[in-house]
Amino acid sequence: MDLKKAFQTALDFEQKGHKVYEETAKKTKNPIVAKTFEYLAKQEVNHIEEIKKYIQQQKIELKGDKMEDTQEFFSMTTKKFKEKTELSDDDLKAHETALELEQKSYEFYKEQHDLTKDEKLKQFFKWIMMQENAHYEFIQKAYDYINDPIGFYSHEEKWVVEG
């Protein structure tokens, strides 16, 4: 795949992600799901802008969310919405779809990273792979929380059950 096609595909991934995340945030009745997907939609816009800048300028300032940022956001959100809210099968399916999208994006960027010999491109693809990985882990944690809040807290807080 040539460079132009690689970046077009990357834009397509990020735009699709933005659309899916934005639509999910708008249609869910669950405030946790809405906050999660609003955050992800904003992050996808950042990625789109970064990719466009790289295409136009052939250089990029690597900025974006780090794993620590997504964990901090998630902790804040779960504390705020600790009480269980109405959850639909569509909300769970949205998380599953988001996980699939992030995984496919990561795999594509990894492939492009491994194919290129250009160090600036390698740096870009490594950066965006880290972004997609952070999103995947963020979505997985959100999914685990809304699916089983008690199980989530026992795993995250390393609860010890004595008997």
Protein backbone atom coordinates (compact mmCIF):
# COMPACT_ATOMS: atom_id res chain seq x y z
CA MET A 1 0.00 0.00 0.00
CA ASP A 2 1.40 3.40 -0.89
CA LEU A 3 1.61 6.27 1.58
CA LYS A 4 -1.36 8.18 0.14
CA LYS A 5 -3.61 5.12 0.41
CA ALA A 6 -2.37 4.36 3.94
CA PHE A 7 -3.28 7.83 5.17
CA GLN A 8 -6.62 7.78 3.37
CA THR A 9 -7.43 4.48 5.06
CA ALA A 10 -6.33 5.91 8.41
CA LEU A 11 -8.64 8.91 7.89
CA ASP A 12 -11.47 6.55 7.00
CA PHE A 13 -10.93 4.54 10.21
CA GLU A 14 -10.89 7.64 12.38
CA GLN A 15 -13.93 9.20 10.67
CA LYS A 16 -15.89 5.97 11.01
CA GLY A 17 -14.92 5.79 14.68
CA HIS A 18 -16.01 9.38 15.24
CA LYS A 19 -19.38 8.75 13.61
CA VAL A 20 -20.03 5.53 15.55
CA TYR A 21 -19.01 7.09 18.86
CA GLU A 22 -20.97 10.29 18.33
CA GLU A 23 -24.15 8.41 17.32
CA THR A 24 -23.86 6.08 20.31
CA ALA A 25 -23.42 9.00 22.71
CA LYS A 26 -26.55 10.67 21.34
CA LYS A 27 -28.87 7.68 21.37
CA THR A 28 -28.01 5.98 24.66
CA LYS A 29 -30.06 6.61 27.79
CA ASN A 30 -27.16 5.55 30.01
CA PRO A 31 -25.07 8.52 31.21
CA ILE A 32 -21.94 6.38 31.62
CA VAL A 33 -22.17 5.16 28.04
CA ALA A 34 -22.90 8.69 26.80
CA LYS A 35 -19.85 10.17 28.57
CA THR A 36 -17.60 7.35 27.38
CA PHE A 37 -18.59 7.72 23.75
CA GLU A 38 -18.54 11.54 23.81
CA TYR A 39 -14.95 11.34 25.03
CA LEU A 40 -14.01 8.83 22.33
CA ALA A 41 -15.67 10.92 19.60
CA LYS A 42 -13.58 13.94 20.64
CA GLN A 43 -10.42 11.85 20.56
CA GLU A 44 -11.20 10.63 17.05
CA VAL A 45 -11.54 14.27 15.90
CA ASN A 46 -8.04 14.91 17.31
CA HIS A 47 -6.69 11.95 15.35
CA ILE A 48 -8.37 13.14 12.15
CA GLU A 49 -6.79 16.57 12.56
CA GLU A 50 -3.36 15.07 13.24
CA ILE A 51 -3.55 12.83 10.18
CA LYS A 52 -4.65 15.73 7.99
CA LYS A 53 -1.78 17.86 9.31
CA TYR A 54 0.68 15.10 8.55
CA ILE A 55 -0.64 14.73 5.03
CA GLN A 56 -0.42 18.49 4.43
CA GLN A 57 2.86 19.24 6.14
CA GLN A 58 4.61 15.85 6.15
CA LYS A 59 5.29 16.33 9.82
CA ILE A 60 3.20 15.92 12.91
CA GLU A 61 3.26 17.04 16.53
CA LEU A 62 2.39 13.91 18.43
CA LYS A 63 -0.23 14.85 20.98
CA GLY A 64 -3.18 12.93 22.21
CA ASP A 65 -4.44 10.91 25.09
CA LYS A 66 -2.11 8.66 27.05
CA MET A 67 -3.26 5.58 28.91
CA GLU A 68 -3.02 7.52 32.19
CA ASP A 69 -5.42 10.15 30.80
CA THR A 70 -8.05 7.60 29.81
CA GLN A 71 -7.73 5.81 33.17
CA GLU A 72 -8.15 9.11 35.01
CA PHE A 73 -11.24 9.96 32.93
CA PHE A 74 -12.70 6.51 33.51
CA SER A 75 -12.15 6.66 37.27
CA MET A 76 -13.82 10.07 37.43
CA THR A 77 -16.78 8.87 35.36
CA THR A 78 -17.41 5.70 37.35
CA LYS A 79 -17.30 7.59 40.64
CA LYS A 80 -19.76 10.15 39.32
CA PHE A 81 -22.19 7.52 38.08
CA LYS A 82 -21.66 4.86 40.71
CA GLU A 83 -25.34 4.01 40.95
CA LYS A 84 -26.45 1.56 38.28
CA THR A 85 -28.40 3.11 35.44
CA GLU A 86 -30.62 1.66 32.76
CA LEU A 87 -28.56 -0.33 30.27
CA SER A 88 -29.77 -1.68 26.96
CA ASP A 89 -28.40 -4.43 24.75
CA ASP A 90 -27.61 -1.68 22.22
CA ASP A 91 -25.20 -0.10 24.72
CA LEU A 92 -23.33 -3.37 25.14
CA LYS A 93 -23.31 -3.93 21.37
CA ALA A 94 -21.93 -0.40 20.87
CA HIS A 95 -19.02 -1.24 23.15
CA GLU A 96 -18.39 -4.50 21.30
CA THR A 97 -18.44 -2.66 17.96
CA ALA A 98 -16.08 -0.01 19.31
CA LEU A 99 -13.67 -2.68 20.53
CA GLU A 100 -13.68 -4.27 17.09
CA LEU A 101 -13.09 -0.92 15.37
CA GLU A 102 -10.18 -0.03 17.65
CA GLN A 103 -8.63 -3.49 17.18
CA LYS A 104 -8.85 -3.27 13.38
CA SER A 105 -7.40 0.23 13.43
CA TYR A 106 -4.52 -0.89 15.61
CA GLU A 107 -3.77 -3.85 13.34
CA PHE A 108 -3.79 -1.61 10.27
CA TYR A 109 -1.43 0.94 11.86
CA LYS A 110 0.87 -1.86 13.06
CA GLU A 111 1.05 -3.26 9.54
CA GLN A 112 1.86 0.18 8.11
CA HIS A 113 4.46 0.73 10.84
CA ASP A 114 6.17 -2.54 9.99
CA LEU A 115 6.12 -1.87 6.22
CA THR A 116 7.58 1.63 6.20
CA LYS A 117 11.26 2.42 6.36
CA ASP A 118 10.69 6.15 6.91
CA GLU A 119 11.48 6.96 10.55
CA LYS A 120 8.98 9.85 10.75
CA LEU A 121 6.25 7.55 9.49
CA LYS A 122 7.28 4.85 11.93
CA GLN A 123 7.02 7.43 14.72
CA PHE A 124 3.56 8.50 13.51
CA PHE A 125 2.25 4.95 13.24
CA LYS A 126 3.68 4.06 16.65
CA TRP A 127 1.95 7.09 18.16
CA ILE A 128 -1.41 6.27 16.62
CA MET A 129 -1.07 2.60 17.62
CA MET A 130 -0.64 3.76 21.23
CA GLN A 131 -3.77 5.91 20.85
CA GLU A 132 -5.81 3.00 19.53
CA ASN A 133 -4.52 0.70 22.27
CA ALA A 134 -5.43 3.25 24.95
CA HIS A 135 -8.92 3.54 23.47
CA TYR A 136 -9.31 -0.23 23.34
CA GLU A 137 -8.41 -0.58 27.02
CA PHE A 138 -10.66 2.36 27.92
CA ILE A 139 -13.63 0.83 26.07
CA GLN A 140 -12.97 -2.60 27.58
CA LYS A 141 -12.97 -1.12 31.10
CA ALA A 142 -16.18 0.78 30.39
CA TYR A 143 -17.78 -2.38 29.00
CA ASP A 144 -16.68 -4.41 32.03
CA TYR A 145 -18.04 -1.74 34.38
CA ILE A 146 -21.47 -1.34 32.82
CA ASN A 147 -21.82 -5.08 32.32
CA ASP A 148 -20.89 -6.01 35.93
CA PRO A 149 -20.10 -3.07 38.26
CA ILE A 150 -19.49 -5.26 41.32
CA GLY A 151 -17.21 -7.61 39.42
CA PHE A 152 -15.42 -4.62 37.92
CA TYR A 153 -14.65 -3.09 41.30
CA SER A 154 -13.56 -6.40 42.80
CA HIS A 155 -11.11 -6.88 39.91
CA GLU A 156 -9.86 -3.27 39.70
CA GLU A 157 -9.49 -2.83 43.44
CA LYS A 158 -8.13 -6.36 43.89
CA TRP A 159 -10.72 -7.25 46.50
CA VAL A 160 -9.90 -10.29 48.56
CA VAL A 161 -12.81 -12.56 49.36
CA GLU A 162 -12.40 -14.42 52.60
CA GLY A 163 -14.51 -17.42 53.42
